[in-house]
Amino acid sequence: MGSDDGEDFVFNMNKLRKEIVFYIVEEHSFSTTEEKGPRRMMSKANPHFVPFSRSTAKRELLYMYMGDRDRVTDILVTTLRRICFLFDN
């Protein structure tokens, strides 16, 4: 059996939660995580799925933002005098 049949798949709830947050950022409501339809769909797709609240989704988004903000800050600090911003009105 090849790798396309799903035998090599390893469920990772943290990665899935991050992808759901990306879905929310694309103009969906945080309450999507608490709706019956999406919860039922995810539990059918993978029985290991653990439903989470809109508060958890908001917290996850904040953690993602803070991590990205810190990475961008580090990049800007280490590339001092090497960045040029151009604006076209």
Protein backbone atom coordinates (compact mmCIF):
# COMPACT_ATOMS: atom_id res chain seq x y z
CA MET A 1 0.00 0.00 0.00
CA GLY A 2 1.27 3.46 -0.89
CA SER A 3 1.39 6.67 1.06
CA ASP A 4 -1.72 7.95 -0.75
CA ASP A 5 -4.01 5.60 1.16
CA GLY A 6 -3.62 7.50 4.45
CA GLU A 7 -1.62 4.89 6.35
CA ASP A 8 1.20 7.35 7.02
CA PHE A 9 -1.19 10.03 8.32
CA VAL A 10 -0.63 11.20 11.89
CA PHE A 11 -3.36 13.36 13.43
CA ASN A 12 -2.09 16.58 15.00
CA MET A 13 -4.77 18.59 16.83
CA ASN A 14 -2.52 21.64 17.17
CA LYS A 15 -1.96 21.83 13.40
CA LEU A 16 -5.68 21.39 12.78
CA ARG A 17 -6.56 24.11 15.29
CA LYS A 18 -4.13 26.46 13.51
CA GLU A 19 -5.75 25.69 10.14
CA ILE A 20 -9.21 26.35 11.59
CA VAL A 21 -7.96 29.73 12.85
CA PHE A 22 -6.65 30.50 9.33
CA TYR A 23 -10.14 29.62 8.05
CA ILE A 24 -11.69 32.06 10.53
CA VAL A 25 -9.27 34.82 9.52
CA GLU A 26 -10.56 34.46 5.95
CA GLU A 27 -13.74 36.34 6.98
CA HIS A 28 -15.54 33.69 8.99
CA SER A 29 -16.99 34.04 12.46
CA PHE A 30 -15.20 32.84 15.59
CA SER A 31 -18.51 31.21 16.55
CA THR A 32 -17.97 28.77 13.65
CA THR A 33 -15.97 26.65 16.11
CA GLU A 34 -19.09 26.22 18.26
CA GLU A 35 -21.61 25.46 15.52
CA LYS A 36 -23.00 21.93 15.26
CA GLY A 37 -22.35 21.49 11.53
CA PRO A 38 -18.60 22.14 11.52
CA ARG A 39 -18.13 20.16 14.75
CA ARG A 40 -20.01 17.18 13.32
CA MET A 41 -18.08 17.39 10.04
CA MET A 42 -14.70 17.49 11.82
CA SER A 43 -15.58 14.59 14.13
CA LYS A 44 -16.60 12.50 11.10
CA ALA A 45 -13.38 13.44 9.29
CA ASN A 46 -11.31 12.43 12.31
CA PRO A 47 -12.67 10.90 15.51
CA HIS A 48 -9.69 12.32 17.44
CA PHE A 49 -10.87 15.89 16.77
CA VAL A 50 -11.49 17.79 20.02
CA PRO A 51 -14.00 20.62 19.61
CA PHE A 52 -12.92 23.97 21.00
CA SER A 53 -14.59 27.27 21.80
CA ARG A 54 -14.41 30.67 20.15
CA SER A 55 -12.32 31.82 23.13
CA THR A 56 -9.73 29.14 22.34
CA ALA A 57 -9.72 30.22 18.68
CA LYS A 58 -9.19 33.86 19.68
CA ARG A 59 -6.38 32.90 22.04
CA GLU A 60 -4.73 30.77 19.33
CA LEU A 61 -4.92 33.69 16.89
CA LEU A 62 -3.34 36.01 19.45
CA TYR A 63 -0.46 33.53 20.01
CA MET A 64 0.06 33.24 16.25
CA TYR A 65 0.10 37.05 15.92
CA MET A 66 2.57 37.48 18.78
CA GLY A 67 4.91 34.87 17.32
CA ASP A 68 4.79 36.45 13.86
CA ARG A 69 5.23 39.93 15.34
CA ASP A 70 8.31 38.81 17.25
CA ARG A 71 9.81 37.16 14.14
CA VAL A 72 9.25 40.29 12.04
CA THR A 73 10.74 42.46 14.80
CA ASP A 74 13.83 40.25 14.90
CA ILE A 75 14.19 40.47 11.13
CA LEU A 76 13.86 44.25 11.14
CA VAL A 77 16.39 44.62 13.97
CA THR A 78 18.98 42.41 12.26
CA THR A 79 18.56 44.09 8.87
CA LEU A 80 19.01 47.62 10.11
CA ARG A 81 19.75 50.05 7.25
CA ARG A 82 19.01 47.41 4.63
CA ILE A 83 15.30 48.00 4.15
CA CYS A 84 13.74 50.59 1.89
CA PHE A 85 10.01 51.23 1.91
CA LEU A 86 8.53 52.72 -1.23
CA PHE A 87 4.99 54.04 -1.43
CA ASP A 88 3.06 54.81 -4.58
CA ASN A 89 0.16 57.20 -4.14
